[in-house]
């Protein structure tokens, strides 16, 4: 069994303009510090622009979590 990291992300000019930058830093930290095999799940919540996710990550976009 391998560990999994699950992260949510949101990018919009109004609420979180650096949302994808923060996610890139998070992913970079995982890659730099972990030597084990792991899964990465990215859940994107109603961002203005969808994230260009890494090929090795599991990705899901939610257009509107309330709808």
Protein backbone atom coordinates (compact mmCIF):
# COMPACT_ATOMS: atom_id res chain seq x y z
CA UNK A 1 0.00 0.00 0.00
CA UNK A 2 1.29 3.48 -0.80
CA UNK A 3 0.33 6.77 0.80
CA UNK A 4 -1.80 9.34 -0.96
CA UNK A 5 -1.83 13.10 -0.76
CA UNK A 6 -5.10 14.83 -1.50
CA UNK A 7 -5.17 18.55 -2.13
CA UNK A 8 -7.84 21.02 -3.18
CA UNK A 9 -7.10 24.02 -5.34
CA UNK A 10 -8.95 27.10 -6.50
CA UNK A 11 -7.77 29.89 -8.78
CA UNK A 12 -9.76 33.02 -9.48
CA UNK A 13 -8.80 36.64 -9.80
CA UNK A 14 -11.31 37.58 -7.11
CA UNK A 15 -10.59 35.06 -4.36
CA UNK A 16 -7.27 33.30 -4.98
CA UNK A 17 -5.21 34.65 -7.87
CA UNK A 18 -2.14 32.61 -6.90
CA UNK A 19 -3.98 29.34 -6.34
CA UNK A 20 -2.10 27.40 -9.01
CA UNK A 21 1.23 28.88 -7.91
CA UNK A 22 0.61 27.60 -4.37
CA UNK A 23 -0.24 24.17 -5.76
CA UNK A 24 2.95 24.12 -7.84
CA UNK A 25 4.97 24.86 -4.69
CA UNK A 26 3.16 22.10 -2.80
CA UNK A 27 3.85 19.56 -5.55
CA UNK A 28 7.49 20.71 -5.73
CA UNK A 29 7.86 20.18 -2.00
CA UNK A 30 6.47 16.65 -2.27
CA UNK A 31 8.81 15.79 -5.13
CA UNK A 32 11.87 17.27 -3.41
CA UNK A 33 11.33 15.65 -0.02
CA UNK A 34 9.73 12.26 -0.60
CA UNK A 35 11.67 9.24 -1.75
CA UNK A 36 8.71 6.85 -1.50
CA UNK A 37 6.11 6.06 -4.14
CA UNK A 38 2.87 7.96 -3.54
CA UNK A 39 -0.38 8.97 -5.22
CA UNK A 40 -1.40 12.59 -5.67
CA UNK A 41 -5.06 13.55 -6.00
CA UNK A 42 -5.86 17.11 -7.09
CA UNK A 43 -9.43 18.33 -6.61
CA UNK A 44 -10.06 21.64 -8.33
CA UNK A 45 -13.03 23.64 -7.15
CA UNK A 46 -14.65 26.04 -9.63
CA UNK A 47 -11.48 27.81 -10.76
CA UNK A 48 -11.59 30.39 -13.52
CA UNK A 49 -8.86 28.43 -15.31
CA UNK A 50 -8.31 24.69 -15.07
CA UNK A 51 -4.94 23.56 -13.76
CA UNK A 52 -2.50 21.91 -16.16
CA UNK A 53 -1.95 18.97 -13.85
CA UNK A 54 1.05 16.60 -13.92
CA UNK A 55 0.55 13.35 -15.82
CA UNK A 56 1.20 11.28 -12.69
CA UNK A 57 -1.56 12.96 -10.65
CA UNK A 58 -5.21 12.02 -10.37
CA UNK A 59 -7.24 15.12 -11.21
CA UNK A 60 -10.89 16.06 -10.87
CA UNK A 61 -12.51 19.40 -11.68
CA UNK A 62 -15.70 20.46 -9.88
CA UNK A 63 -17.41 23.28 -11.79
CA UNK A 64 -19.60 24.26 -8.81
CA UNK A 65 -19.52 22.41 -5.52
CA UNK A 66 -22.89 23.87 -4.53
CA UNK A 67 -24.69 23.02 -7.76
